[in-house]
Structure formats: C-alpha cells, structure tokens
Amino acid sequence: MPVKIVVRALIRILWAQIGTRREIRERYGIRGNACDDCITSYFCLPRALVQERREIELEESSFL
C-alpha cells in the first residue's frame, strides 16, 4: 500500500513539472515539445528545475 502512495505522488509531481515546462516555453517563446518536456522531467528532474529557473531569470532580467 505505501508503495502505491509513493508512486502516485511521483506521477503527480512529474505531471506538474511537465505542465510547468510547457507554460514556461509558451510564455517566453522557447522551442520544444511535450515529448522533450516529459523526457527531461522524467530522467533528470533536478537539471530541469535549474534550467527553468535560469531561463526565467534571464527572461525577466531582459525586461528591466
């Protein structure tokens, strides 16, 4: 039973991460697709999070 809870939680985190990457790409006009978002988020979540943070920082600083 606890394994199912952990797996479901990981799936929800992954699903949310894929959605966040899509929103960032759309907002800032970054090339990519859902398949790339899924693969990046699944296989290297920490890298994906750092990449998103850096992209947002770069885009936001360009508006100043």
PDB file of N, CA and C in Angstrom:
ATOM      1  N   MET A   1       0.806  -1.206   0.000  1.00  0.00           N
ATOM      2  CA  MET A   1       0.000   0.000   0.000  1.00  0.00           C
ATOM      3  C   MET A   1       0.856   1.280   0.000  1.00  0.00           C
ATOM      4  N   PRO A   2       1.866   1.446   0.883  1.00  0.00           N
ATOM      5  CA  PRO A   2       2.670   2.665   0.856  1.00  0.00           C
ATOM      6  C   PRO A   2       3.389   2.872  -0.477  1.00  0.00           C
ATOM      7  N   VAL A   3       3.746   1.790  -1.158  1.00  0.00           N
ATOM      8  CA  VAL A   3       4.418   1.919  -2.449  1.00  0.00           C
ATOM      9  C   VAL A   3       3.495   2.602  -3.451  1.00  0.00           C
ATOM     10  N   LYS A   4       2.223   2.246  -3.432  1.00  0.00           N
ATOM     11  CA  LYS A   4       1.262   2.873  -4.344  1.00  0.00           C
ATOM     12  C   LYS A   4       1.158   4.362  -4.085  1.00  0.00           C
ATOM     13  N   ILE A   5       1.191   4.751  -2.834  1.00  0.00           N
ATOM     14  CA  ILE A   5       1.093   6.169  -2.484  1.00  0.00           C
ATOM     15  C   ILE A   5       2.309   6.924  -3.013  1.00  0.00           C
ATOM     16  N   VAL A   6       3.474   6.360  -2.848  1.00  0.00           N
ATOM     17  CA  VAL A   6       4.706   6.996  -3.324  1.00  0.00           C
ATOM     18  C   VAL A   6       4.698   7.102  -4.844  1.00  0.00           C
ATOM     19  N   VAL A   7       4.315   6.045  -5.524  1.00  0.00           N
ATOM     20  CA  VAL A   7       4.267   6.054  -6.985  1.00  0.00           C
ATOM     21  C   VAL A   7       3.273   7.100  -7.482  1.00  0.00           C
ATOM     22  N   ARG A   8       2.125   7.154  -6.870  1.00  0.00           N
ATOM     23  CA  ARG A   8       1.119   8.161  -7.279  1.00  0.00           C
ATOM     24  C   ARG A   8       1.633   9.574  -7.054  1.00  0.00           C
ATOM     25  N   ALA A   9       2.309   9.787  -5.931  1.00  0.00           N
ATOM     26  CA  ALA A   9       2.866  11.109  -5.653  1.00  0.00           C
ATOM     27  C   ALA A   9       3.930  11.481  -6.686  1.00  0.00           C
ATOM     28  N   LEU A  10       4.792  10.549  -7.039  1.00  0.00           N
ATOM     29  CA  LEU A  10       5.821  10.817  -8.045  1.00  0.00           C
ATOM     30  C   LEU A  10       5.209  11.112  -9.407  1.00  0.00           C
ATOM     31  N   ILE A  11       4.166  10.407  -9.752  1.00  0.00           N
ATOM     32  CA  ILE A  11       3.483  10.662 -11.030  1.00  0.00           C
ATOM     33  C   ILE A  11       2.881  12.051 -11.037  1.00  0.00           C
ATOM     34  N   ARG A  12       2.277  12.456  -9.929  1.00  0.00           N
ATOM     35  CA  ARG A  12       1.687  13.810  -9.856  1.00  0.00           C
ATOM     36  C   ARG A  12       2.753  14.885  -9.949  1.00  0.00           C
ATOM     37  N   ILE A  13       3.895  14.658  -9.295  1.00  0.00           N
ATOM     38  CA  ILE A  13       4.992  15.627  -9.370  1.00  0.00           C
ATOM     39  C   ILE A  13       5.500  15.729 -10.805  1.00  0.00           C
ATOM     40  N   LEU A  14       5.681  14.606 -11.445  1.00  0.00           N
ATOM     41  CA  LEU A  14       6.150  14.594 -12.827  1.00  0.00           C
ATOM     42  C   LEU A  14       5.153  15.299 -13.737  1.00  0.00           C
ATOM     43  N   TRP A  15       3.877  15.020 -13.572  1.00  0.00           N
ATOM     44  CA  TRP A  15       2.834  15.640 -14.391  1.00  0.00           C
ATOM     45  C   TRP A  15       2.841  17.154 -14.212  1.00  0.00           C
ATOM     46  N   ALA A  16       2.971  17.608 -12.969  1.00  0.00           N
ATOM     47  CA  ALA A  16       3.007  19.050 -12.695  1.00  0.00           C
ATOM     48  C   ALA A  16       4.247  19.684 -13.316  1.00  0.00           C
ATOM     49  N   GLN A  17       5.370  19.001 -13.243  1.00  0.00           N
ATOM     50  CA  GLN A  17       6.619  19.514 -13.802  1.00  0.00           C
ATOM     51  C   GLN A  17       6.525  19.665 -15.318  1.00  0.00           C
ATOM     52  N   ILE A  18       5.934  18.695 -15.968  1.00  0.00           N
ATOM     53  CA  ILE A  18       5.770  18.768 -17.426  1.00  0.00           C
ATOM     54  C   ILE A  18       4.898  19.960 -17.790  1.00  0.00           C
ATOM     55  N   GLY A  19       3.838  20.173 -17.033  1.00  0.00           N
ATOM     56  CA  GLY A  19       2.953  21.321 -17.277  1.00  0.00           C
ATOM     57  C   GLY A  19       3.665  22.639 -17.072  1.00  0.00           C
ATOM     58  N   THR A  20       4.493  22.707 -16.047  1.00  0.00           N
ATOM     59  CA  THR A  20       5.244  23.935 -15.771  1.00  0.00           C
ATOM     60  C   THR A  20       6.216  24.242 -16.906  1.00  0.00           C
ATOM     61  N   ARG A  21       6.919  23.216 -17.383  1.00  0.00           N
ATOM     62  CA  ARG A  21       7.850  23.427 -18.505  1.00  0.00           C
ATOM     63  C   ARG A  21       7.106  23.928 -19.741  1.00  0.00           C
ATOM     64  N   ARG A  22       5.943  23.364 -20.017  1.00  0.00           N
ATOM     65  CA  ARG A  22       5.148  23.789 -21.165  1.00  0.00           C
ATOM     66  C   ARG A  22       4.752  25.267 -21.025  1.00  0.00           C
ATOM     67  N   GLU A  23       4.300  25.651 -19.836  1.00  0.00           N
ATOM     68  CA  GLU A  23       3.897  27.038 -19.611  1.00  0.00           C
ATOM     69  C   GLU A  23       5.067  28.000 -19.785  1.00  0.00           C
ATOM     70  N   ILE A  24       6.229  27.624 -19.291  1.00  0.00           N
ATOM     71  CA  ILE A  24       7.413  28.474 -19.441  1.00  0.00           C
ATOM     72  C   ILE A  24       7.786  28.604 -20.918  1.00  0.00           C
ATOM     73  N   ARG A  25       7.766  27.499 -21.650  1.00  0.00           N
ATOM     74  CA  ARG A  25       8.080  27.551 -23.078  1.00  0.00           C
ATOM     75  C   ARG A  25       7.110  28.457 -23.809  1.00  0.00           C
ATOM     76  N   GLU A  26       5.824  28.330 -23.526  1.00  0.00           N
ATOM     77  CA  GLU A  26       4.819  29.154 -24.210  1.00  0.00           C
ATOM     78  C   GLU A  26       4.957  30.626 -23.846  1.00  0.00           C
ATOM     79  N   ARG A  27       5.188  30.916 -22.581  1.00  0.00           N
ATOM     80  CA  ARG A  27       5.272  32.308 -22.125  1.00  0.00           C
ATOM     81  C   ARG A  27       6.445  33.037 -22.756  1.00  0.00           C
ATOM     82  N   TYR A  28       7.593  32.364 -22.875  1.00  0.00           N
ATOM     83  CA  TYR A  28       8.802  33.019 -23.356  1.00  0.00           C
ATOM     84  C   TYR A  28       9.187  32.639 -24.780  1.00  0.00           C
ATOM     85  N   GLY A  29       8.336  31.903 -25.467  1.00  0.00           N
ATOM     86  CA  GLY A  29       8.598  31.565 -26.862  1.00  0.00           C
ATOM     87  C   GLY A  29       9.796  30.649 -27.055  1.00  0.00           C
ATOM     88  N   ILE A  30       9.966  29.697 -26.158  1.00  0.00           N
ATOM     89  CA  ILE A  30      11.094  28.770 -26.220  1.00  0.00           C
ATOM     90  C   ILE A  30      10.688  27.554 -27.049  1.00  0.00           C
ATOM     91  N   ARG A  31      11.580  27.142 -27.959  1.00  0.00           N
ATOM     92  CA  ARG A  31      11.292  25.965 -28.774  1.00  0.00           C
ATOM     93  C   ARG A  31      11.262  24.712 -27.917  1.00  0.00           C
ATOM     94  N   GLY A  32      10.488  23.730 -28.328  1.00  0.00           N
ATOM     95  CA  GLY A  32      10.413  22.465 -27.623  1.00  0.00           C
ATOM     96  C   GLY A  32       9.057  21.829 -27.830  1.00  0.00           C
ATOM     97  N   ASN A  33       8.853  20.680 -27.240  1.00  0.00           N
ATOM     98  CA  ASN A  33       7.572  19.997 -27.353  1.00  0.00           C
ATOM     99  C   ASN A  33       7.305  19.168 -26.103  1.00  0.00           C
ATOM    100  N   ALA A  34       6.106  18.615 -26.025  1.00  0.00           N
ATOM    101  CA  ALA A  34       5.701  17.857 -24.844  1.00  0.00           C
ATOM    102  C   ALA A  34       6.559  16.618 -24.629  1.00  0.00           C
ATOM    103  N   CYS A  35       6.971  15.994 -25.699  1.00  0.00           N
ATOM    104  CA  CYS A  35       7.807  14.797 -25.583  1.00  0.00           C
ATOM    105  C   CYS A  35       9.150  15.144 -24.931  1.00  0.00           C
ATOM    106  N   ASP A  36       9.778  16.222 -25.376  1.00  0.00           N
ATOM    107  CA  ASP A  36      11.037  16.660 -24.777  1.00  0.00           C
ATOM    108  C   ASP A  36      10.846  17.015 -23.303  1.00  0.00           C
ATOM    109  N   ASP A  37       9.745  17.687 -22.990  1.00  0.00           N
ATOM    110  CA  ASP A  37       9.463  18.053 -21.603  1.00  0.00           C
ATOM    111  C   ASP A  37       9.330  16.811 -20.731  1.00  0.00           C
ATOM    112  N   CYS A  38       8.638  15.820 -21.223  1.00  0.00           N
ATOM    113  CA  CYS A  38       8.422  14.587 -20.477  1.00  0.00           C
ATOM    114  C   CYS A  38       9.743  13.861 -20.235  1.00  0.00           C
ATOM    115  N   ILE A  39      10.540  13.723 -21.273  1.00  0.00           N
ATOM    116  CA  ILE A  39      11.816  13.010 -21.151  1.00  0.00           C
ATOM    117  C   ILE A  39      12.756  13.742 -20.199  1.00  0.00           C
ATOM    118  N   THR A  40      12.863  15.052 -20.350  1.00  0.00           N
ATOM    119  CA  THR A  40      13.750  15.830 -19.485  1.00  0.00           C
ATOM    120  C   THR A  40      13.298  15.756 -18.033  1.00  0.00           C
ATOM    121  N   SER A  41      12.009  15.912 -17.798  1.00  0.00           N
ATOM    122  CA  SER A  41      11.491  15.889 -16.436  1.00  0.00           C
ATOM    123  C   SER A  41      11.634  14.511 -15.804  1.00  0.00           C
ATOM    124  N   TYR A  42      11.425  13.480 -16.582  1.00  0.00           N
ATOM    125  CA  TYR A  42      11.461  12.120 -16.041  1.00  0.00           C
ATOM    126  C   TYR A  42      12.883  11.675 -15.712  1.00  0.00           C
ATOM    127  N   PHE A  43      13.793  11.901 -16.638  1.00  0.00           N
ATOM    128  CA  PHE A  43      15.135  11.368 -16.462  1.00  0.00           C
ATOM    129  C   PHE A  43      16.070  12.278 -15.678  1.00  0.00           C
ATOM    130  N   CYS A  44      15.774  13.557 -15.613  1.00  0.00           N
ATOM    131  CA  CYS A  44      16.688  14.466 -14.923  1.00  0.00           C
ATOM    132  C   CYS A  44      15.930  15.657 -14.325  1.00  0.00           C
ATOM    133  N   LEU A  45      15.101  15.385 -13.343  1.00  0.00           N
ATOM    134  CA  LEU A  45      14.278  16.421 -12.737  1.00  0.00           C
ATOM    135  C   LEU A  45      15.096  17.563 -12.131  1.00  0.00           C
ATOM    136  N   PRO A  46      16.174  17.293 -11.382  1.00  0.00           N
ATOM    137  CA  PRO A  46      16.939  18.424 -10.832  1.00  0.00           C
ATOM    138  C   PRO A  46      17.491  19.352 -11.926  1.00  0.00           C
ATOM    139  N   ARG A  47      17.987  18.779 -13.000  1.00  0.00           N
ATOM    140  CA  ARG A  47      18.504  19.594 -14.107  1.00  0.00           C
ATOM    141  C   ARG A  47      17.386  20.417 -14.727  1.00  0.00           C
ATOM    142  N   ALA A  48      16.221  19.812 -14.887  1.00  0.00           N
ATOM    143  CA  ALA A  48      15.083  20.518 -15.470  1.00  0.00           C
ATOM    144  C   ALA A  48      14.687  21.713 -14.610  1.00  0.00           C
ATOM    145  N   LEU A  49      14.685  21.539 -13.295  1.00  0.00           N
ATOM    146  CA  LEU A  49      14.315  22.629 -12.394  1.00  0.00           C
ATOM    147  C   LEU A  49      15.313  23.782 -12.469  1.00  0.00           C
ATOM    148  N   VAL A  50      16.605  23.467 -12.504  1.00  0.00           N
ATOM    149  CA  VAL A  50      17.640  24.501 -12.611  1.00  0.00           C
ATOM    150  C   VAL A  50      17.526  25.217 -13.953  1.00  0.00           C
ATOM    151  N   GLN A  51      17.307  24.460 -15.007  1.00  0.00           N
ATOM    152  CA  GLN A  51      17.170  25.033 -16.340  1.00  0.00           C
ATOM    153  C   GLN A  51      15.995  26.018 -16.387  1.00  0.00           C
ATOM    154  N   GLU A  52      14.883  25.641 -15.807  1.00  0.00           N
ATOM    155  CA  GLU A  52      13.721  26.526 -15.792  1.00  0.00           C
ATOM    156  C   GLU A  52      13.999  27.796 -14.998  1.00  0.00           C
ATOM    157  N   ARG A  53      14.612  27.652 -13.837  1.00  0.00           N
ATOM    158  CA  ARG A  53      14.917  28.818 -13.010  1.00  0.00           C
ATOM    159  C   ARG A  53      15.818  29.788 -13.762  1.00  0.00           C
ATOM    160  N   ARG A  54      16.849  29.258 -14.391  1.00  0.00           N
ATOM    161  CA  ARG A  54      17.776  30.122 -15.145  1.00  0.00           C
ATOM    162  C   ARG A  54      17.073  30.812 -16.308  1.00  0.00           C
ATOM    163  N   GLU A  55      16.245  30.093 -17.005  1.00  0.00           N
ATOM    164  CA  GLU A  55      15.537  30.682 -18.146  1.00  0.00           C
ATOM    165  C   GLU A  55      14.619  31.806 -17.692  1.00  0.00           C
ATOM    166  N   ILE A  56      13.902  31.594 -16.607  1.00  0.00           N
ATOM    167  CA  ILE A  56      13.019  32.638 -16.089  1.00  0.00           C
ATOM    168  C   ILE A  56      13.828  33.846 -15.653  1.00  0.00           C
ATOM    169  N   GLU A  57      14.942  33.620 -14.961  1.00  0.00           N
ATOM    170  CA  GLU A  57      15.786  34.744 -14.537  1.00  0.00           C
ATOM    171  C   GLU A  57      16.298  35.536 -15.733  1.00  0.00           C
ATOM    172  N   LEU A  58      16.746  34.858 -16.777  1.00  0.00           N
ATOM    173  CA  LEU A  58      17.241  35.545 -17.966  1.00  0.00           C
ATOM    174  C   LEU A  58      16.140  36.344 -18.650  1.00  0.00           C
ATOM    175  N   GLU A  59      14.987  35.737 -18.790  1.00  0.00           N
ATOM    176  CA  GLU A  59      13.874  36.407 -19.466  1.00  0.00           C
ATOM    177  C   GLU A  59      13.384  37.613 -18.661  1.00  0.00           C
ATOM    178  N   GLU A  60      13.259  37.455 -17.355  1.00  0.00           N
ATOM    179  CA  GLU A  60      12.779  38.541 -16.516  1.00  0.00           C
ATOM    180  C   GLU A  60      13.778  39.691 -16.465  1.00  0.00           C
ATOM    181  N   SER A  61      15.078  39.377 -16.436  1.00  0.00           N
ATOM    182  CA  SER A  61      16.077  40.442 -16.389  1.00  0.00           C
ATOM    183  C   SER A  61      16.150  41.212 -17.707  1.00  0.00           C
ATOM    184  N   SER A  62      15.720  40.605 -18.804  1.00  0.00           N
ATOM    185  CA  SER A  62      15.735  41.301 -20.083  1.00  0.00           C
ATOM    186  C   SER A  62      14.642  42.377 -20.157  1.00  0.00           C
ATOM    187  N   PHE A  63      13.663  42.314 -19.261  1.00  0.00           N
ATOM    188  CA  PHE A  63      12.591  43.306 -19.254  1.00  0.00           C
ATOM    189  C   PHE A  63      12.974  44.561 -18.467  1.00  0.00           C
ATOM    190  N   LEU A  64      14.057  44.497 -17.712  1.00  0.00           N
ATOM    191  CA  LEU A  64      14.448  45.632 -16.876  1.00  0.00           C
ATOM    192  C   LEU A  64      15.208  46.659 -17.642  1.00  0.00           C
TER     193      LEU A  64
END
